[in-house]
């Protein structure tokens, strides 16, 4: 005699196995193109807000306590170098390993490979330049990002290749790879 709950579990496993392409995840998670590259969808925005007077002066107004997104990056695409005014924590969910590149204010480069073997999270400190690429030539990476105080596009700056090369000439190859 078959157990209906076992059938349901097996069916869910087959459904997960069937999600093998970036297009499947983009469709299923209702992701849209992101200005930095890749695809995203905001999944959480705290209803409570921090007043502008209670935030550092770099913020131009009130912000949500926190926000989070799904972010999918296909191989061959990049998350272009950008920075925001808040800390961001990246979370690995599934797919290929993803290289997360962070250039700190003093020019130090940190590379973290998020992936199935771990680590599963990485911190990008506020104001750091960062971008990402799938570590291999094939596949895709599905990750997420949590930002606190919450993300606002007013806090988003896409890197300018010439300016970044002047500021960090020691990272020329990476800057040329991760800027448009």
Foldseek 3Di string as FASTA:
>chain_A
DDDVVVVVVVVVVVVVVVCFAPVSVCVVVVWDADPQGFTKDKDDFAPDWDACVRDPVVDPGIFTQKTKMKTKHWAVMKRAWKFFQWKKKKFFDDKAWKWKWKQDPVGDIDIDTDHPVDDGMDIHHHPIIMMMHGPDRGMMTIMMMMTGSYDDCVGMGGDDLVVVCVVHVVCNVVNVVRHD
